[in-house]
């Protein structure tokens, strides 16, 4: 395995601002199987989402659906908002 890549380079890689040579260096290193560097890139690209972060948005969706049903759109309110979700039912 190659020596670990500097964190600043890993962060530039994750932000898509690394130079071509830095990108090659990071990819080569990650392909060598370095878990700590892979975790660093992963945490930069996909930060941990705190519990309850979506509560407000989900509450608004529930209110929207309830309002549609009360307004006489019960059949539409039962349908998923995205056709791709229908296959999961």
C-alpha atoms as a PDB file:
ATOM      1  CA  UNK A   1       0.000   0.000   0.000  1.00  0.00           C
ATOM      2  CA  UNK A   2       1.215   3.518  -0.744  1.00  0.00           C
ATOM      3  CA  UNK A   3       1.721   6.159   1.955  1.00  0.00           C
ATOM      4  CA  UNK A   4      -1.458   7.943   3.025  1.00  0.00           C
ATOM      5  CA  UNK A   5      -2.482  10.996   1.023  1.00  0.00           C
ATOM      6  CA  UNK A   6      -2.512  14.398   2.729  1.00  0.00           C
ATOM      7  CA  UNK A   7      -5.983  15.283   4.079  1.00  0.00           C
ATOM      8  CA  UNK A   8      -6.059  18.557   2.127  1.00  0.00           C
ATOM      9  CA  UNK A   9      -5.613  16.614  -1.112  1.00  0.00           C
ATOM     10  CA  UNK A  10      -8.327  14.155  -0.067  1.00  0.00           C
ATOM     11  CA  UNK A  11     -10.693  17.059   0.630  1.00  0.00           C
ATOM     12  CA  UNK A  12      -9.888  18.665  -2.735  1.00  0.00           C
ATOM     13  CA  UNK A  13     -10.521  15.291  -4.374  1.00  0.00           C
ATOM     14  CA  UNK A  14     -13.905  15.011  -2.640  1.00  0.00           C
ATOM     15  CA  UNK A  15     -14.779  18.600  -3.626  1.00  0.00           C
ATOM     16  CA  UNK A  16     -13.708  17.931  -7.254  1.00  0.00           C
ATOM     17  CA  UNK A  17     -11.073  20.671  -7.087  1.00  0.00           C
ATOM     18  CA  UNK A  18      -7.969  18.460  -7.053  1.00  0.00           C
ATOM     19  CA  UNK A  19      -5.510  18.688  -9.930  1.00  0.00           C
ATOM     20  CA  UNK A  20      -5.267  15.806 -12.401  1.00  0.00           C
ATOM     21  CA  UNK A  21      -2.095  14.516 -10.748  1.00  0.00           C
ATOM     22  CA  UNK A  22      -3.730  14.732  -7.296  1.00  0.00           C
ATOM     23  CA  UNK A  23      -6.777  12.837  -8.560  1.00  0.00           C
ATOM     24  CA  UNK A  24      -4.555  10.081  -9.955  1.00  0.00           C
ATOM     25  CA  UNK A  25      -2.642   9.943  -6.667  1.00  0.00           C
ATOM     26  CA  UNK A  26      -5.832   9.630  -4.618  1.00  0.00           C
ATOM     27  CA  UNK A  27      -7.422   7.034  -6.898  1.00  0.00           C
ATOM     28  CA  UNK A  28      -4.251   4.953  -6.955  1.00  0.00           C
ATOM     29  CA  UNK A  29      -4.038   5.120  -3.175  1.00  0.00           C
ATOM     30  CA  UNK A  30      -7.701   4.288  -2.606  1.00  0.00           C
ATOM     31  CA  UNK A  31      -7.450   1.343  -4.993  1.00  0.00           C
ATOM     32  CA  UNK A  32      -4.572   0.053  -2.874  1.00  0.00           C
ATOM     33  CA  UNK A  33      -7.146  -0.470  -0.115  1.00  0.00           C
ATOM     34  CA  UNK A  34      -6.427   2.226   2.467  1.00  0.00           C
ATOM     35  CA  UNK A  35      -9.422   2.182   4.813  1.00  0.00           C
ATOM     36  CA  UNK A  36      -8.621   5.388   6.741  1.00  0.00           C
ATOM     37  CA  UNK A  37      -8.289   7.472   3.558  1.00  0.00           C
ATOM     38  CA  UNK A  38     -11.416   5.909   2.070  1.00  0.00           C
ATOM     39  CA  UNK A  39     -13.295   6.798   5.275  1.00  0.00           C
ATOM     40  CA  UNK A  40     -12.013  10.378   5.103  1.00  0.00           C
ATOM     41  CA  UNK A  41     -13.197  10.797   1.494  1.00  0.00           C
ATOM     42  CA  UNK A  42     -16.510   9.099   2.301  1.00  0.00           C
ATOM     43  CA  UNK A  43     -17.168  11.355   5.304  1.00  0.00           C
ATOM     44  CA  UNK A  44     -16.378  14.431   3.203  1.00  0.00           C
ATOM     45  CA  UNK A  45     -18.627  13.360   0.324  1.00  0.00           C
ATOM     46  CA  UNK A  46     -21.398  11.880   2.426  1.00  0.00           C
ATOM     47  CA  UNK A  47     -21.479  13.559   5.821  1.00  0.00           C
ATOM     48  CA  UNK A  48     -23.336  11.881   8.654  1.00  0.00           C
ATOM     49  CA  UNK A  49     -26.911  13.114   8.796  1.00  0.00           C
ATOM     50  CA  UNK A  50     -28.071  13.892  12.298  1.00  0.00           C
ATOM     51  CA  UNK A  51     -31.137  12.165  13.659  1.00  0.00           C
ATOM     52  CA  UNK A  52     -34.231  14.247  13.043  1.00  0.00           C
ATOM     53  CA  UNK A  53     -32.686  16.257  10.212  1.00  0.00           C
ATOM     54  CA  UNK A  54     -35.621  15.442   7.923  1.00  0.00           C
ATOM     55  CA  UNK A  55     -38.386  15.769  10.512  1.00  0.00           C
ATOM     56  CA  UNK A  56     -39.530  19.197   9.285  1.00  0.00           C
ATOM     57  CA  UNK A  57     -39.678  18.142   5.635  1.00  0.00           C
ATOM     58  CA  UNK A  58     -41.515  14.916   6.458  1.00  0.00           C
ATOM     59  CA  UNK A  59     -44.023  16.792   8.612  1.00  0.00           C
ATOM     60  CA  UNK A  60     -44.687  19.201   5.733  1.00  0.00           C
ATOM     61  CA  UNK A  61     -45.235  16.251   3.374  1.00  0.00           C
ATOM     62  CA  UNK A  62     -47.670  14.641   5.814  1.00  0.00           C
ATOM     63  CA  UNK A  63     -49.582  17.912   6.117  1.00  0.00           C
ATOM     64  CA  UNK A  64     -49.629  18.293   2.319  1.00  0.00           C
ATOM     65  CA  UNK A  65     -50.968  14.753   1.872  1.00  0.00           C
ATOM     66  CA  UNK A  66     -53.570  15.205   4.590  1.00  0.00           C
ATOM     67  CA  UNK A  67     -54.703  18.523   3.061  1.00  0.00           C
ATOM     68  CA  UNK A  68     -55.032  16.918  -0.385  1.00  0.00           C
ATOM     69  CA  UNK A  69     -57.099  14.092   1.045  1.00  0.00           C
ATOM     70  CA  UNK A  70     -59.337  16.504   2.937  1.00  0.00           C
ATOM     71  CA  UNK A  71     -59.766  18.600  -0.199  1.00  0.00           C
ATOM     72  CA  UNK A  72     -61.343  15.667  -2.024  1.00  0.00           C
ATOM     73  CA  UNK A  73     -58.229  14.315  -3.699  1.00  0.00           C
ATOM     74  CA  UNK A  74     -58.204  11.079  -1.720  1.00  0.00           C
ATOM     75  CA  UNK A  75     -57.329   8.935  -4.731  1.00  0.00           C
ATOM     76  CA  UNK A  76     -54.377  11.172  -5.703  1.00  0.00           C
ATOM     77  CA  UNK A  77     -53.175  11.319  -2.103  1.00  0.00           C
ATOM     78  CA  UNK A  78     -52.896   7.518  -2.050  1.00  0.00           C
ATOM     79  CA  UNK A  79     -50.573   7.432  -5.062  1.00  0.00           C
ATOM     80  CA  UNK A  80     -46.822   7.694  -4.524  1.00  0.00           C
ATOM     81  CA  UNK A  81     -45.317  10.954  -5.806  1.00  0.00           C
ATOM     82  CA  UNK A  82     -42.882   9.130  -8.088  1.00  0.00           C
ATOM     83  CA  UNK A  83     -43.722   6.307 -10.541  1.00  0.00           C
ATOM     84  CA  UNK A  84     -40.529   4.505  -9.516  1.00  0.00           C
ATOM     85  CA  UNK A  85     -41.907   4.104  -5.977  1.00  0.00           C
ATOM     86  CA  UNK A  86     -44.929   2.172  -7.251  1.00  0.00           C
ATOM     87  CA  UNK A  87     -42.763  -0.879  -7.905  1.00  0.00           C
ATOM     88  CA  UNK A  88     -41.784  -0.996  -4.213  1.00  0.00           C
ATOM     89  CA  UNK A  89     -45.377  -1.270  -3.009  1.00  0.00           C
END
